[in-house]
Structure formats: C-alpha cells, structure tokens
Amino acid sequence: MTIRQPDRPPTHPDASPTHPPQLGTPDPERRNSPVQTDPGQSFELLREQVGDEAAGCYFNDVQYAEGALIMSGSTRLRCERGIWIEAGTEV
C-alpha cells in the first residue's frame, strides 16, 4: 500500500507544491474516501462512514496522508480525517 505524504515532492510529472496532481475521476470499482461536496453536509455523518481510525484518504486505491491536496477534474480536494473536502476549483 502506498501512502503519499503532502510534504514530499509529488510523483506526478505535472504536479508541484502549488499545483496538486490531477487524478481524474474516482473509479467506483476502487477504494475511495467520501467527498464532502456540500458545506451543509454533516462532516460528522461522513466521519461515521470512515470511522475514527482513518489515517488519510483513499483515491482509486491509493492512500494519501492527512492534509494532502489532489485535483479531481477542476476540483481541488484536501484530505481531512479520512474525508476529501472541496478546497476550491481551477480552470
């Protein structure tokens, strides 16, 4: 299992500290952490889905460390306590 650390250099050739790696869309056949897309959506309800022991977030079977930033399409996601939180968009 691979764990990506947010403070390590990104492995994706187009990624940089200011531009997270572009990972595309989540594959429903692979392990993915939930994404909080609506600010009104209960963070704690999503936490119940992942459990208290979540150490990072998953995106297409790859585990990312707490605080990691990725791009899924034009949406920037940040890993927070086992849940991907929308952290803005890019064009």
C-alpha atoms as a PDB file:
ATOM      1  CA  MET A   1       0.000   0.000   0.000  1.00  0.00           C
ATOM      2  CA  THR A   2       1.343   3.411  -0.964  1.00  0.00           C
ATOM      3  CA  ILE A   3       0.872   6.415   1.323  1.00  0.00           C
ATOM      4  CA  ARG A   4       1.502   9.803  -0.249  1.00  0.00           C
ATOM      5  CA  GLN A   5       2.833  12.454   2.120  1.00  0.00           C
ATOM      6  CA  PRO A   6       1.832  16.096   1.446  1.00  0.00           C
ATOM      7  CA  ASP A   7       5.330  17.410   2.261  1.00  0.00           C
ATOM      8  CA  ARG A   8       7.157  15.075  -0.132  1.00  0.00           C
ATOM      9  CA  PRO A   9       7.778  16.035  -3.757  1.00  0.00           C
ATOM     10  CA  PRO A  10       4.829  14.938  -5.886  1.00  0.00           C
ATOM     11  CA  THR A  11       5.415  11.947  -8.127  1.00  0.00           C
ATOM     12  CA  HIS A  12       3.096  13.101 -10.907  1.00  0.00           C
ATOM     13  CA  PRO A  13       5.166  14.855 -13.625  1.00  0.00           C
ATOM     14  CA  ASP A  14       2.729  17.781 -13.916  1.00  0.00           C
ATOM     15  CA  ALA A  15       2.378  18.309 -10.167  1.00  0.00           C
ATOM     16  CA  SER A  16       4.109  20.885  -7.976  1.00  0.00           C
ATOM     17  CA  PRO A  17       3.580  22.170  -4.423  1.00  0.00           C
ATOM     18  CA  THR A  18       1.204  24.824  -5.780  1.00  0.00           C
ATOM     19  CA  HIS A  19      -0.473  22.533  -8.339  1.00  0.00           C
ATOM     20  CA  PRO A  20      -1.632  19.213  -6.847  1.00  0.00           C
ATOM     21  CA  PRO A  21      -1.573  16.108  -9.053  1.00  0.00           C
ATOM     22  CA  GLN A  22      -4.513  15.699 -11.439  1.00  0.00           C
ATOM     23  CA  LEU A  23      -6.036  12.298 -10.700  1.00  0.00           C
ATOM     24  CA  GLY A  24      -9.190  12.428 -12.808  1.00  0.00           C
ATOM     25  CA  THR A  25     -12.429  10.943 -11.548  1.00  0.00           C
ATOM     26  CA  PRO A  26     -12.846   8.322  -8.832  1.00  0.00           C
ATOM     27  CA  ASP A  27     -13.317   4.786 -10.150  1.00  0.00           C
ATOM     28  CA  PRO A  28     -16.322   3.242  -8.342  1.00  0.00           C
ATOM     29  CA  GLU A  29     -14.617  -0.180  -8.555  1.00  0.00           C
ATOM     30  CA  ARG A  30     -11.717   1.064  -6.413  1.00  0.00           C
ATOM     31  CA  ARG A  31     -11.428   2.238  -2.819  1.00  0.00           C
ATOM     32  CA  ASN A  32     -12.278   5.936  -2.442  1.00  0.00           C
ATOM     33  CA  SER A  33     -12.905   8.032   0.647  1.00  0.00           C
ATOM     34  CA  PRO A  34     -16.128  10.056   0.737  1.00  0.00           C
ATOM     35  CA  VAL A  35     -16.101  13.596  -0.657  1.00  0.00           C
ATOM     36  CA  GLN A  36     -17.855  16.408   1.198  1.00  0.00           C
ATOM     37  CA  THR A  37     -19.236  18.450  -1.699  1.00  0.00           C
ATOM     38  CA  ASP A  38     -21.902  20.426   0.134  1.00  0.00           C
ATOM     39  CA  PRO A  39     -20.859  22.685   3.039  1.00  0.00           C
ATOM     40  CA  GLY A  40     -24.227  21.910   4.639  1.00  0.00           C
ATOM     41  CA  GLN A  41     -23.467  18.187   4.566  1.00  0.00           C
ATOM     42  CA  SER A  42     -22.627  16.897   8.015  1.00  0.00           C
ATOM     43  CA  PHE A  43     -18.900  16.246   8.409  1.00  0.00           C
ATOM     44  CA  GLU A  44     -19.631  14.055  11.420  1.00  0.00           C
ATOM     45  CA  LEU A  45     -22.072  11.914   9.425  1.00  0.00           C
ATOM     46  CA  LEU A  46     -19.346  11.283   6.855  1.00  0.00           C
ATOM     47  CA  ARG A  47     -16.896  10.529   9.700  1.00  0.00           C
ATOM     48  CA  GLU A  48     -19.213   7.720  10.779  1.00  0.00           C
ATOM     49  CA  GLN A  49     -18.748   6.173   7.327  1.00  0.00           C
ATOM     50  CA  VAL A  50     -14.946   6.130   7.552  1.00  0.00           C
ATOM     51  CA  GLY A  51     -14.561   5.515  11.298  1.00  0.00           C
ATOM     52  CA  ASP A  52     -12.340   7.175  13.865  1.00  0.00           C
ATOM     53  CA  GLU A  53      -9.252   5.202  12.850  1.00  0.00           C
ATOM     54  CA  ALA A  54      -8.993   6.661   9.318  1.00  0.00           C
ATOM     55  CA  ALA A  55      -5.358   7.511   8.645  1.00  0.00           C
ATOM     56  CA  GLY A  56      -5.546   9.536   5.475  1.00  0.00           C
ATOM     57  CA  CYS A  57      -7.816   9.346   2.441  1.00  0.00           C
ATOM     58  CA  TYR A  58      -8.120   6.969  -0.486  1.00  0.00           C
ATOM     59  CA  PHE A  59      -8.449   7.854  -4.152  1.00  0.00           C
ATOM     60  CA  ASN A  60      -8.593   4.949  -6.613  1.00  0.00           C
ATOM     61  CA  ASP A  61      -6.904   2.519  -4.174  1.00  0.00           C
ATOM     62  CA  VAL A  62      -4.036   4.916  -3.331  1.00  0.00           C
ATOM     63  CA  GLN A  63      -3.827   6.218   0.219  1.00  0.00           C
ATOM     64  CA  TYR A  64      -2.955   9.889   0.758  1.00  0.00           C
ATOM     65  CA  ALA A  65      -1.806  11.404   4.041  1.00  0.00           C
ATOM     66  CA  GLU A  66      -3.761  13.853   6.161  1.00  0.00           C
ATOM     67  CA  GLY A  67      -3.550  17.310   4.560  1.00  0.00           C
ATOM     68  CA  ALA A  68      -2.756  16.010   1.058  1.00  0.00           C
ATOM     69  CA  LEU A  69      -4.101  18.029  -1.875  1.00  0.00           C
ATOM     70  CA  ILE A  70      -5.206  16.467  -5.166  1.00  0.00           C
ATOM     71  CA  MET A  71      -7.175  17.551  -8.215  1.00  0.00           C
ATOM     72  CA  SER A  72     -10.205  15.600  -9.420  1.00  0.00           C
ATOM     73  CA  GLY A  73     -11.148  17.292 -12.665  1.00  0.00           C
ATOM     74  CA  SER A  74     -11.288  21.008 -11.877  1.00  0.00           C
ATOM     75  CA  THR A  75     -11.971  20.414  -8.162  1.00  0.00           C
ATOM     76  CA  ARG A  76      -9.182  20.694  -5.589  1.00  0.00           C
ATOM     77  CA  LEU A  77      -9.645  18.214  -2.729  1.00  0.00           C
ATOM     78  CA  ARG A  78      -7.909  18.211   0.671  1.00  0.00           C
ATOM     79  CA  CYS A  79      -7.714  15.111   2.885  1.00  0.00           C
ATOM     80  CA  GLU A  80      -9.142  15.804   6.328  1.00  0.00           C
ATOM     81  CA  ARG A  81      -9.679  12.994   8.864  1.00  0.00           C
ATOM     82  CA  GLY A  82     -10.415  10.384   6.181  1.00  0.00           C
ATOM     83  CA  ILE A  83     -12.714  12.606   4.083  1.00  0.00           C
ATOM     84  CA  TRP A  84     -11.951  14.578   0.925  1.00  0.00           C
ATOM     85  CA  ILE A  85     -13.064  18.185   1.435  1.00  0.00           C
ATOM     86  CA  GLU A  86     -13.593  20.505  -1.534  1.00  0.00           C
ATOM     87  CA  ALA A  87     -10.892  23.167  -1.303  1.00  0.00           C
ATOM     88  CA  GLY A  88     -11.634  25.216  -4.408  1.00  0.00           C
ATOM     89  CA  THR A  89     -11.603  24.836  -8.162  1.00  0.00           C
ATOM     90  CA  GLU A  90      -9.209  25.579 -11.004  1.00  0.00           C
ATOM     91  CA  VAL A  91      -9.925  26.294 -14.620  1.00  0.00           C
END
